[in-house]
């Protein structure tokens, strides 16, 4: 995924960017200025975002509003509390500083996976594999798990046992496989 990073603390922004890249995603930014970040929303196709609530005297709420309009998942990363975030973002996940980058990315990948609108097999598999790689922390185990889910989905489709969307079916199968058999995929 392409992750927009809006953070004005240099060391945190650098660590986030490095961690995001090391975990397999692409960083847009980081931006420490609201105006620059807003301009990037029109020129870059962000798949998700990590937003510091306060940047100097400004807040990132205008960016969050724009991301909401574009249906781009985001999380807040802040030293502030939930009381400092407007009610319109009551459903948005707020991570306290410092937070492990993996937990931020897990949240963003889960949102994209579960609420994405692309229902093609390739799009679902890419989203699923990205998410499972973060859960399993082992690329080979993640690939084996996703392969097993694909085989289960094929059997369900061949047996006319599919109700709902393909994305919904694959997510349900993935959740079941993670909950019941994740350790089995490690060799």
N, C-alpha and C. Protein backbone atom coordinates (compact mmCIF):
# COMPACT_ATOMS: atom_id res chain seq x y z
N UNK A 1 0.84 -1.18 0.00
CA UNK A 1 0.00 0.00 0.00
C UNK A 1 0.88 1.24 0.00
N UNK A 2 0.33 2.31 -0.49
CA UNK A 2 0.98 3.62 -0.44
C UNK A 2 0.41 4.36 0.76
N UNK A 3 1.28 4.61 1.76
CA UNK A 3 0.85 5.18 3.03
C UNK A 3 1.29 6.65 3.12
N UNK A 4 0.33 7.55 3.24
CA UNK A 4 0.61 8.96 3.49
C UNK A 4 0.98 9.13 4.95
N UNK A 5 2.12 9.74 5.23
CA UNK A 5 2.57 9.98 6.59
C UNK A 5 2.59 11.49 6.84
N UNK A 6 1.81 11.91 7.84
CA UNK A 6 1.76 13.32 8.23
C UNK A 6 2.19 13.38 9.70
N UNK A 7 3.40 13.87 9.91
CA UNK A 7 4.01 13.87 11.26
C UNK A 7 5.05 14.98 11.31
N UNK A 8 4.97 15.85 12.32
CA UNK A 8 5.92 16.96 12.38
C UNK A 8 7.12 16.73 13.30
N UNK A 9 7.15 15.63 14.02
CA UNK A 9 8.32 15.32 14.83
C UNK A 9 9.27 14.51 13.96
N UNK A 10 10.42 15.11 13.66
CA UNK A 10 11.35 14.55 12.67
C UNK A 10 11.72 13.10 12.97
N UNK A 11 12.12 12.80 14.20
CA UNK A 11 12.56 11.44 14.52
C UNK A 11 11.44 10.42 14.37
N UNK A 12 10.24 10.79 14.77
CA UNK A 12 9.10 9.88 14.62
C UNK A 12 8.78 9.68 13.14
N UNK A 13 8.80 10.76 12.37
CA UNK A 13 8.51 10.66 10.93
C UNK A 13 9.53 9.78 10.23
N UNK A 14 10.80 9.94 10.57
CA UNK A 14 11.85 9.13 9.95
C UNK A 14 11.71 7.66 10.33
N UNK A 15 11.44 7.39 11.61
CA UNK A 15 11.30 6.00 12.05
C UNK A 15 10.08 5.35 11.40
N UNK A 16 8.96 6.07 11.37
CA UNK A 16 7.75 5.55 10.72
C UNK A 16 8.04 5.22 9.25
N UNK A 17 8.67 6.15 8.56
CA UNK A 17 8.95 5.95 7.13
C UNK A 17 9.85 4.74 6.91
N UNK A 18 10.88 4.61 7.72
CA UNK A 18 11.80 3.48 7.60
C UNK A 18 11.06 2.16 7.88
N UNK A 19 10.27 2.14 8.97
CA UNK A 19 9.53 0.93 9.33
C UNK A 19 8.51 0.55 8.26
N UNK A 20 7.80 1.53 7.74
CA UNK A 20 6.80 1.25 6.71
C UNK A 20 7.47 0.63 5.49
N UNK A 21 8.58 1.20 5.07
CA UNK A 21 9.31 0.65 3.92
C UNK A 21 9.82 -0.76 4.22
N UNK A 22 10.38 -0.95 5.41
CA UNK A 22 10.91 -2.27 5.78
C UNK A 22 9.81 -3.33 5.86
N UNK A 23 8.58 -2.92 6.15
CA UNK A 23 7.47 -3.86 6.25
C UNK A 23 6.77 -4.06 4.90
N UNK A 24 7.29 -3.44 3.84
CA UNK A 24 6.81 -3.73 2.50
C UNK A 24 5.85 -2.73 1.88
N UNK A 25 5.57 -1.64 2.56
CA UNK A 25 4.69 -0.64 1.99
C UNK A 25 5.50 0.56 1.50
N UNK A 26 4.85 1.47 0.79
CA UNK A 26 5.50 2.65 0.22
C UNK A 26 5.04 3.89 0.99
N UNK A 27 5.97 4.77 1.29
CA UNK A 27 5.68 5.99 2.03
C UNK A 27 5.44 7.14 1.07
N UNK A 28 4.38 7.88 1.31
CA UNK A 28 4.16 9.17 0.65
C UNK A 28 4.47 10.20 1.72
N UNK A 29 5.50 10.99 1.49
CA UNK A 29 5.93 11.95 2.51
C UNK A 29 7.24 11.49 3.12
N UNK A 30 7.41 11.72 4.39
CA UNK A 30 6.46 12.28 5.35
C UNK A 30 6.31 13.79 5.19
N UNK A 31 5.16 14.28 5.62
CA UNK A 31 4.86 15.70 5.57
C UNK A 31 4.73 16.24 6.98
N UNK A 32 5.34 17.41 7.20
CA UNK A 32 5.23 18.06 8.50
C UNK A 32 4.38 19.32 8.40
N UNK A 33 3.89 19.59 7.20
CA UNK A 33 3.11 20.79 6.94
C UNK A 33 1.74 20.38 6.37
N UNK A 34 0.69 20.95 6.93
CA UNK A 34 -0.68 20.63 6.50
C UNK A 34 -0.89 20.94 5.02
N UNK A 35 -0.44 22.10 4.57
CA UNK A 35 -0.61 22.49 3.17
C UNK A 35 0.06 21.53 2.21
N UNK A 36 1.29 21.15 2.53
CA UNK A 36 2.01 20.19 1.67
C UNK A 36 1.29 18.84 1.63
N UNK A 37 0.82 18.41 2.79
CA UNK A 37 0.10 17.13 2.85
C UNK A 37 -1.19 17.20 2.05
N UNK A 38 -1.91 18.30 2.14
CA UNK A 38 -3.16 18.45 1.38
C UNK A 38 -2.87 18.44 -0.12
N UNK A 39 -1.80 19.11 -0.54
CA UNK A 39 -1.43 19.10 -1.97
C UNK A 39 -1.11 17.69 -2.43
N UNK A 40 -0.49 16.90 -1.57
CA UNK A 40 -0.14 15.53 -1.96
C UNK A 40 -1.38 14.68 -2.19
N UNK A 41 -2.49 15.02 -1.52
CA UNK A 41 -3.72 14.24 -1.70
C UNK A 41 -4.27 14.36 -3.11
N UNK A 42 -3.99 15.47 -3.77
CA UNK A 42 -4.48 15.64 -5.14
C UNK A 42 -3.52 15.06 -6.16
N UNK A 43 -2.23 14.93 -5.80
CA UNK A 43 -1.26 14.46 -6.78
C UNK A 43 -0.82 13.01 -6.55
N UNK A 44 -1.02 12.49 -5.36
CA UNK A 44 -0.58 11.11 -5.06
C UNK A 44 -1.80 10.26 -4.71
N UNK A 45 -1.75 9.02 -5.11
CA UNK A 45 -2.84 8.10 -4.80
C UNK A 45 -2.51 7.33 -3.52
N UNK A 46 -2.88 7.92 -2.39
CA UNK A 46 -2.64 7.25 -1.11
C UNK A 46 -3.69 6.16 -0.92
N UNK A 47 -3.23 5.00 -0.46
CA UNK A 47 -4.14 3.90 -0.13
C UNK A 47 -4.57 3.96 1.33
N UNK A 48 -3.77 4.66 2.15
CA UNK A 48 -4.05 4.77 3.58
C UNK A 48 -3.18 5.91 4.13
N UNK A 49 -3.44 6.29 5.39
CA UNK A 49 -2.66 7.39 5.97
C UNK A 49 -2.50 7.22 7.47
N UNK A 50 -1.37 7.75 7.96
CA UNK A 50 -1.10 7.87 9.39
C UNK A 50 -0.96 9.35 9.65
N UNK A 51 -1.82 9.87 10.53
CA UNK A 51 -1.88 11.31 10.77
C UNK A 51 -1.59 11.65 12.23
N UNK A 52 -0.61 12.52 12.43
CA UNK A 52 -0.44 13.13 13.74
C UNK A 52 -1.60 14.13 13.89
N UNK A 53 -2.18 14.23 15.07
CA UNK A 53 -3.32 15.14 15.25
C UNK A 53 -2.88 16.59 15.16
N UNK A 54 -1.82 16.94 15.86
CA UNK A 54 -1.40 18.34 15.92
C UNK A 54 -0.04 18.50 15.26
N UNK A 55 0.00 19.44 14.32
CA UNK A 55 1.24 19.81 13.66
C UNK A 55 1.45 21.30 13.91
N UNK A 56 2.31 21.62 14.85
CA UNK A 56 2.49 23.02 15.24
C UNK A 56 1.20 23.56 15.81
N UNK A 57 0.72 24.67 15.26
CA UNK A 57 -0.51 25.29 15.73
C UNK A 57 -1.75 24.76 15.00
N UNK A 58 -1.55 23.87 14.04
CA UNK A 58 -2.67 23.35 13.24
C UNK A 58 -2.98 21.91 13.61
N UNK A 59 -4.14 21.44 13.14
CA UNK A 59 -4.50 20.02 13.30
C UNK A 59 -4.61 19.38 11.92
N UNK A 60 -4.59 18.08 11.90
CA UNK A 60 -4.68 17.34 10.63
C UNK A 60 -6.13 16.98 10.29
N UNK A 61 -7.09 17.57 10.96
CA UNK A 61 -8.49 17.20 10.74
C UNK A 61 -8.97 17.50 9.33
N UNK A 62 -8.44 18.56 8.69
CA UNK A 62 -8.83 18.83 7.30
C UNK A 62 -8.34 17.71 6.37
N UNK A 63 -7.18 17.16 6.67
CA UNK A 63 -6.67 16.03 5.88
C UNK A 63 -7.55 14.81 6.13
N UNK A 64 -7.90 14.57 7.39
CA UNK A 64 -8.77 13.45 7.73
C UNK A 64 -10.12 13.57 7.03
N UNK A 65 -10.65 14.79 6.97
CA UNK A 65 -11.92 15.00 6.27
C UNK A 65 -11.79 14.64 4.79
N UNK A 66 -10.69 15.07 4.17
CA UNK A 66 -10.48 14.77 2.75
C UNK A 66 -10.31 13.27 2.53
N UNK A 67 -9.56 12.62 3.40
CA UNK A 67 -9.39 11.17 3.29
C UNK A 67 -10.73 10.45 3.44
N UNK A 68 -11.55 10.93 4.37
CA UNK A 68 -12.88 10.33 4.55
C UNK A 68 -13.71 10.46 3.29
N UNK A 69 -13.67 11.64 2.66
CA UNK A 69 -14.42 11.85 1.41
C UNK A 69 -13.93 10.91 0.32
N UNK A 70 -12.63 10.64 0.29
CA UNK A 70 -12.05 9.76 -0.72
C UNK A 70 -12.12 8.29 -0.31
N UNK A 71 -12.69 8.01 0.87
CA UNK A 71 -12.81 6.66 1.42
C UNK A 71 -11.45 5.97 1.54
N UNK A 72 -10.47 6.75 1.99
CA UNK A 72 -9.12 6.23 2.22
C UNK A 72 -8.99 5.97 3.73
N UNK A 73 -8.64 4.76 4.12
CA UNK A 73 -8.50 4.46 5.55
C UNK A 73 -7.33 5.24 6.16
N UNK A 74 -7.51 5.65 7.41
CA UNK A 74 -6.44 6.35 8.12
C UNK A 74 -6.57 6.09 9.61
N UNK A 75 -5.46 6.32 10.30
CA UNK A 75 -5.42 6.27 11.76
C UNK A 75 -4.76 7.54 12.25
N UNK A 76 -5.09 7.91 13.48
CA UNK A 76 -4.40 9.02 14.12
C UNK A 76 -3.29 8.44 14.99
N UNK A 77 -2.14 9.10 14.98
CA UNK A 77 -1.03 8.77 15.86
C UNK A 77 -0.73 10.05 16.62
N UNK A 78 -0.96 10.05 17.93
CA UNK A 78 -0.90 11.31 18.65
C UNK A 78 -0.52 11.14 20.11
N UNK A 79 -0.07 12.22 20.69
CA UNK A 79 0.15 12.28 22.12
C UNK A 79 -1.08 12.80 22.84
N UNK A 80 -2.10 13.17 22.07
CA UNK A 80 -3.34 13.69 22.64
C UNK A 80 -4.29 12.54 22.94
N UNK A 81 -5.43 12.87 23.51
CA UNK A 81 -6.41 11.85 23.88
C UNK A 81 -7.60 11.90 22.94
N UNK A 82 -8.50 10.96 23.11
CA UNK A 82 -9.71 10.89 22.29
C UNK A 82 -10.56 12.15 22.47
N UNK A 83 -10.45 12.80 23.60
CA UNK A 83 -11.23 14.04 23.84
C UNK A 83 -10.77 15.18 22.92
N UNK A 84 -9.56 15.09 22.41
CA UNK A 84 -9.02 16.14 21.55
C UNK A 84 -9.39 15.95 20.08
N UNK A 85 -10.11 14.87 19.78
CA UNK A 85 -10.49 14.55 18.41
C UNK A 85 -12.00 14.82 18.26
N UNK A 86 -12.40 15.55 17.22
CA UNK A 86 -13.82 15.84 17.02
C UNK A 86 -14.67 14.57 16.91
N UNK A 87 -15.93 14.71 17.30
CA UNK A 87 -16.86 13.58 17.28
C UNK A 87 -17.00 12.94 15.90
N UNK A 88 -16.81 13.70 14.85
CA UNK A 88 -16.97 13.13 13.50
C UNK A 88 -15.94 12.03 13.22
N UNK A 89 -14.90 11.96 14.05
CA UNK A 89 -13.89 10.91 13.90
C UNK A 89 -13.98 9.88 15.01
N UNK A 90 -15.14 9.74 15.59
CA UNK A 90 -15.30 8.82 16.72
C UNK A 90 -15.05 7.36 16.34
N UNK A 91 -15.19 7.02 15.07
CA UNK A 91 -14.95 5.65 14.62
C UNK A 91 -13.51 5.42 14.17
N UNK A 92 -12.71 6.48 14.17
CA UNK A 92 -11.32 6.38 13.72
C UNK A 92 -10.45 5.85 14.85
N UNK A 93 -9.55 4.96 14.52
CA UNK A 93 -8.64 4.40 15.51
C UNK A 93 -7.59 5.45 15.86
N UNK A 94 -7.35 5.60 17.17
CA UNK A 94 -6.36 6.55 17.66
C UNK A 94 -5.27 5.75 18.37
N UNK A 95 -4.04 5.88 17.87
CA UNK A 95 -2.89 5.22 18.48
C UNK A 95 -2.11 6.27 19.26
N UNK A 96 -1.70 5.92 20.46
CA UNK A 96 -0.90 6.82 21.29
C UNK A 96 0.56 6.74 20.87
N UNK A 97 1.22 7.89 20.91
CA UNK A 97 2.66 7.90 20.67
C UNK A 97 3.37 7.43 21.92
N UNK A 98 4.39 6.65 21.82
CA UNK A 98 4.83 5.93 20.62
C UNK A 98 4.03 4.65 20.45
N UNK A 99 3.82 4.24 19.23
CA UNK A 99 3.15 2.98 18.91
C UNK A 99 3.99 2.23 17.90
N UNK A 100 4.02 0.91 18.00
CA UNK A 100 4.77 0.14 17.00
C UNK A 100 4.16 0.33 15.61
N UNK A 101 5.01 0.53 14.63
CA UNK A 101 4.54 0.74 13.26
C UNK A 101 3.74 -0.45 12.76
N UNK A 102 4.14 -1.66 13.15
CA UNK A 102 3.42 -2.85 12.71
C UNK A 102 1.94 -2.78 13.13
N UNK A 103 1.65 -2.30 14.33
CA UNK A 103 0.25 -2.22 14.77
C UNK A 103 -0.53 -1.19 13.96
N UNK A 104 0.13 -0.09 13.58
CA UNK A 104 -0.53 0.91 12.73
C UNK A 104 -0.85 0.31 11.37
N UNK A 105 0.12 -0.39 10.80
CA UNK A 105 -0.08 -0.98 9.48
C UNK A 105 -1.10 -2.11 9.51
N UNK A 106 -1.09 -2.89 10.58
CA UNK A 106 -2.12 -3.94 10.70
C UNK A 106 -3.51 -3.33 10.66
N UNK A 107 -3.70 -2.24 11.38
CA UNK A 107 -5.00 -1.56 11.41
C UNK A 107 -5.37 -1.06 10.01
N UNK A 108 -4.43 -0.43 9.33
CA UNK A 108 -4.72 0.11 8.00
C UNK A 108 -4.98 -0.99 6.97
N UNK A 109 -4.17 -2.05 7.02
CA UNK A 109 -4.39 -3.16 6.08
C UNK A 109 -5.71 -3.87 6.37
N UNK A 110 -6.06 -4.01 7.63
CA UNK A 110 -7.34 -4.63 7.99
C UNK A 110 -8.50 -3.79 7.47
N UNK A 111 -8.40 -2.47 7.60
CA UNK A 111 -9.47 -1.60 7.09
C UNK A 111 -9.58 -1.73 5.57
N UNK A 112 -8.46 -1.71 4.89
CA UNK A 112 -8.49 -1.83 3.43
C UNK A 112 -9.05 -3.19 3.00
N UNK A 113 -8.62 -4.23 3.68
CA UNK A 113 -9.08 -5.58 3.35
C UNK A 113 -10.58 -5.72 3.57
N UNK A 114 -11.05 -5.28 4.72
CA UNK A 114 -12.44 -5.51 5.10
C UNK A 114 -13.42 -4.54 4.47
N UNK A 115 -12.95 -3.35 4.12
CA UNK A 115 -13.88 -2.35 3.60
C UNK A 115 -13.56 -1.92 2.18
N UNK A 116 -12.62 -2.61 1.55
CA UNK A 116 -12.29 -2.30 0.16
C UNK A 116 -13.46 -2.62 -0.74
N UNK A 117 -13.54 -1.90 -1.85
CA UNK A 117 -14.67 -2.13 -2.75
C UNK A 117 -14.31 -3.00 -3.95
N UNK A 118 -13.03 -3.22 -4.17
CA UNK A 118 -12.64 -4.07 -5.30
C UNK A 118 -12.93 -5.52 -4.95
N UNK A 119 -13.65 -6.20 -5.82
CA UNK A 119 -14.07 -7.57 -5.52
C UNK A 119 -13.41 -8.58 -6.45
N UNK A 120 -12.48 -8.13 -7.29
CA UNK A 120 -11.78 -9.06 -8.16
C UNK A 120 -10.84 -9.94 -7.36
N UNK A 121 -10.61 -11.13 -7.85
CA UNK A 121 -9.77 -12.10 -7.14
C UNK A 121 -8.38 -11.52 -6.90
N UNK A 122 -7.79 -10.90 -7.91
CA UNK A 122 -6.44 -10.38 -7.76
C UNK A 122 -6.37 -9.31 -6.67
N UNK A 123 -7.31 -8.37 -6.66
CA UNK A 123 -7.31 -7.31 -5.66
C UNK A 123 -7.49 -7.87 -4.25
N UNK A 124 -8.38 -8.82 -4.10
CA UNK A 124 -8.62 -9.42 -2.79
C UNK A 124 -7.37 -10.17 -2.32
N UNK A 125 -6.74 -10.91 -3.23
CA UNK A 125 -5.54 -11.66 -2.86
C UNK A 125 -4.40 -10.74 -2.45
N UNK A 126 -4.20 -9.65 -3.17
CA UNK A 126 -3.13 -8.70 -2.84
C UNK A 126 -3.38 -8.10 -1.46
N UNK A 127 -4.61 -7.66 -1.21
CA UNK A 127 -4.95 -7.10 0.10
C UNK A 127 -4.78 -8.13 1.20
N UNK A 128 -5.23 -9.35 0.94
CA UNK A 128 -5.14 -10.42 1.93
C UNK A 128 -3.69 -10.78 2.22
N UNK A 129 -2.89 -10.92 1.20
CA UNK A 129 -1.49 -11.29 1.39
C UNK A 129 -0.74 -10.21 2.17
N UNK A 130 -1.00 -8.96 1.86
CA UNK A 130 -0.35 -7.86 2.61
C UNK A 130 -0.72 -7.92 4.08
N UNK A 131 -1.97 -8.16 4.36
CA UNK A 131 -2.44 -8.23 5.74
C UNK A 131 -1.83 -9.43 6.47
N UNK A 132 -1.89 -10.60 5.84
CA UNK A 132 -1.40 -11.83 6.49
C UNK A 132 0.11 -11.77 6.70
N UNK A 133 0.84 -11.12 5.81
CA UNK A 133 2.29 -10.96 6.02
C UNK A 133 2.57 -10.19 7.31
N UNK A 134 1.74 -9.21 7.62
CA UNK A 134 1.91 -8.47 8.87
C UNK A 134 1.52 -9.31 10.07
N UNK A 135 0.46 -10.09 9.93
CA UNK A 135 0.00 -10.94 11.03
C UNK A 135 1.01 -12.03 11.32
N UNK A 136 1.48 -12.68 10.27
CA UNK A 136 2.36 -13.85 10.44
C UNK A 136 3.83 -13.47 10.64
N UNK A 137 4.23 -12.30 10.21
CA UNK A 137 5.63 -11.86 10.29
C UNK A 137 6.57 -12.80 9.54
N UNK A 138 6.03 -13.58 8.62
CA UNK A 138 6.83 -14.52 7.84
C UNK A 138 6.18 -14.62 6.46
N UNK A 139 6.89 -14.16 5.44
CA UNK A 139 6.31 -14.10 4.10
C UNK A 139 5.92 -15.47 3.57
N UNK A 140 6.74 -16.48 3.80
CA UNK A 140 6.44 -17.82 3.28
C UNK A 140 5.21 -18.40 3.96
N UNK A 141 5.09 -18.22 5.27
CA UNK A 141 3.91 -18.70 5.99
C UNK A 141 2.66 -17.98 5.51
N UNK A 142 2.79 -16.68 5.26
CA UNK A 142 1.64 -15.91 4.76
C UNK A 142 1.20 -16.41 3.39
N UNK A 143 2.17 -16.70 2.54
CA UNK A 143 1.83 -17.21 1.21
C UNK A 143 1.15 -18.57 1.27
N UNK A 144 1.63 -19.43 2.16
CA UNK A 144 0.98 -20.74 2.32
C UNK A 144 -0.45 -20.59 2.83
N UNK A 145 -0.64 -19.69 3.79
CA UNK A 145 -1.98 -19.48 4.33
C UNK A 145 -2.93 -18.94 3.26
N UNK A 146 -2.49 -17.97 2.50
CA UNK A 146 -3.34 -17.39 1.45
C UNK A 146 -3.61 -18.43 0.37
N UNK A 147 -2.62 -19.26 0.05
CA UNK A 147 -2.85 -20.33 -0.92
C UNK A 147 -3.93 -21.29 -0.42
N UNK A 148 -3.88 -21.65 0.85
CA UNK A 148 -4.90 -22.53 1.42
C UNK A 148 -6.29 -21.89 1.35
N UNK A 149 -6.36 -20.60 1.66
CA UNK A 149 -7.63 -19.88 1.59
C UNK A 149 -8.16 -19.88 0.16
N UNK A 150 -7.27 -19.67 -0.82
CA UNK A 150 -7.70 -19.69 -2.22
C UNK A 150 -8.26 -21.05 -2.62
N UNK A 151 -7.60 -22.12 -2.19
CA UNK A 151 -8.10 -23.47 -2.50
C UNK A 151 -9.46 -23.70 -1.84
N UNK A 152 -9.63 -23.23 -0.62
CA UNK A 152 -10.92 -23.37 0.06
C UNK A 152 -11.99 -22.56 -0.67
N UNK A 153 -11.63 -21.38 -1.14
CA UNK A 153 -12.60 -20.54 -1.87
C UNK A 153 -13.00 -21.20 -3.18
N UNK A 154 -12.04 -21.80 -3.87
CA UNK A 154 -12.34 -22.50 -5.13
C UNK A 154 -13.30 -23.65 -4.87
N UNK A 155 -13.04 -24.43 -3.81
CA UNK A 155 -13.95 -25.54 -3.48
C UNK A 155 -15.35 -25.03 -3.15
N UNK A 156 -15.42 -23.90 -2.43
CA UNK A 156 -16.73 -23.34 -2.08
C UNK A 156 -17.47 -22.88 -3.33
N UNK A 157 -16.76 -22.27 -4.26
CA UNK A 157 -17.38 -21.80 -5.50
C UNK A 157 -17.83 -22.98 -6.35
N UNK A 158 -16.98 -24.00 -6.46
CA UNK A 158 -17.34 -25.19 -7.24
C UNK A 158 -18.54 -25.91 -6.64
N UNK A 159 -18.68 -25.86 -5.33
CA UNK A 159 -19.80 -26.51 -4.66
C UNK A 159 -21.02 -25.63 -4.49
N UNK A 160 -21.02 -24.47 -5.15
CA UNK A 160 -22.14 -23.52 -5.06
C UNK A 160 -22.46 -23.17 -3.61
N UNK A 161 -21.44 -23.08 -2.77
CA UNK A 161 -21.65 -22.78 -1.35
C UNK A 161 -21.35 -21.32 -1.03
N UNK A 162 -21.31 -20.46 -2.05
CA UNK A 162 -20.96 -19.06 -1.84
C UNK A 162 -22.22 -18.23 -1.69
N UNK A 163 -22.27 -17.50 -0.59
CA UNK A 163 -23.31 -16.50 -0.40
C UNK A 163 -22.60 -15.18 -0.13
N UNK A 164 -23.08 -14.10 -0.67
CA UNK A 164 -22.42 -12.82 -0.50
C UNK A 164 -21.33 -12.62 -1.54
N UNK A 165 -20.38 -11.77 -1.19
CA UNK A 165 -19.34 -11.41 -2.14
C UNK A 165 -18.13 -12.34 -2.03
N UNK A 166 -17.35 -12.35 -3.07
CA UNK A 166 -16.11 -13.12 -3.06
C UNK A 166 -15.18 -12.58 -1.97
N UNK A 167 -15.09 -11.25 -1.84
CA UNK A 167 -14.27 -10.64 -0.80
C UNK A 167 -14.72 -11.12 0.57
N UNK A 168 -16.01 -11.12 0.81
CA UNK A 168 -16.54 -11.56 2.10
C UNK A 168 -16.20 -13.01 2.39
N UNK A 169 -16.36 -13.86 1.38
CA UNK A 169 -16.03 -15.28 1.53
C UNK A 169 -14.55 -15.45 1.87
N UNK A 170 -13.70 -14.80 1.12
CA UNK A 170 -12.26 -14.97 1.33
C UNK A 170 -11.81 -14.42 2.68
N UNK A 171 -12.40 -13.33 3.12
CA UNK A 171 -12.06 -12.78 4.43
C UNK A 171 -12.49 -13.74 5.53
N UNK A 172 -13.69 -14.29 5.40
CA UNK A 172 -14.16 -15.25 6.40
C UNK A 172 -13.25 -16.48 6.46
N UNK A 173 -12.87 -16.99 5.29
CA UNK A 173 -11.97 -18.14 5.25
C UNK A 173 -10.60 -17.78 5.84
N UNK A 174 -10.11 -16.59 5.54
CA UNK A 174 -8.82 -16.14 6.06
C UNK A 174 -8.87 -16.01 7.58
N UNK A 175 -9.91 -15.37 8.09
CA UNK A 175 -10.06 -15.21 9.55
C UNK A 175 -10.08 -16.57 10.24
N UNK A 176 -10.80 -17.52 9.65
CA UNK A 176 -10.88 -18.86 10.23
C UNK A 176 -9.50 -19.53 10.21
N UNK A 177 -8.81 -19.41 9.09
CA UNK A 177 -7.50 -20.05 8.96
C UNK A 177 -6.49 -19.43 9.92
N UNK A 178 -6.52 -18.13 10.10
CA UNK A 178 -5.62 -17.47 11.05
C UNK A 178 -5.93 -17.91 12.47
N UNK A 179 -7.21 -17.93 12.82
CA UNK A 179 -7.60 -18.28 14.19
C UNK A 179 -7.31 -19.74 14.52
N UNK A 180 -7.50 -20.63 13.57
CA UNK A 180 -7.40 -22.05 13.86
C UNK A 180 -6.06 -22.70 13.47
N UNK A 181 -5.45 -22.18 12.41
CA UNK A 181 -4.31 -22.92 11.84
C UNK A 181 -3.07 -22.07 11.53
N UNK A 182 -2.94 -20.90 12.06
CA UNK A 182 -1.81 -20.04 11.69
C UNK A 182 -0.47 -20.72 11.94
N UNK A 183 -0.30 -21.30 13.10
CA UNK A 183 0.99 -21.92 13.44
C UNK A 183 1.35 -23.07 12.50
N UNK A 184 0.36 -23.70 11.92
CA UNK A 184 0.58 -24.83 11.01
C UNK A 184 1.29 -24.39 9.72
N UNK A 185 1.20 -23.13 9.37
CA UNK A 185 1.78 -22.63 8.12
C UNK A 185 3.26 -22.29 8.26
N UNK A 186 3.80 -22.33 9.47
CA UNK A 186 5.22 -22.10 9.69
C UNK A 186 5.95 -23.42 9.54
N UNK A 187 7.04 -23.46 8.79
CA UNK A 187 7.82 -24.69 8.62
C UNK A 187 9.15 -24.49 9.28
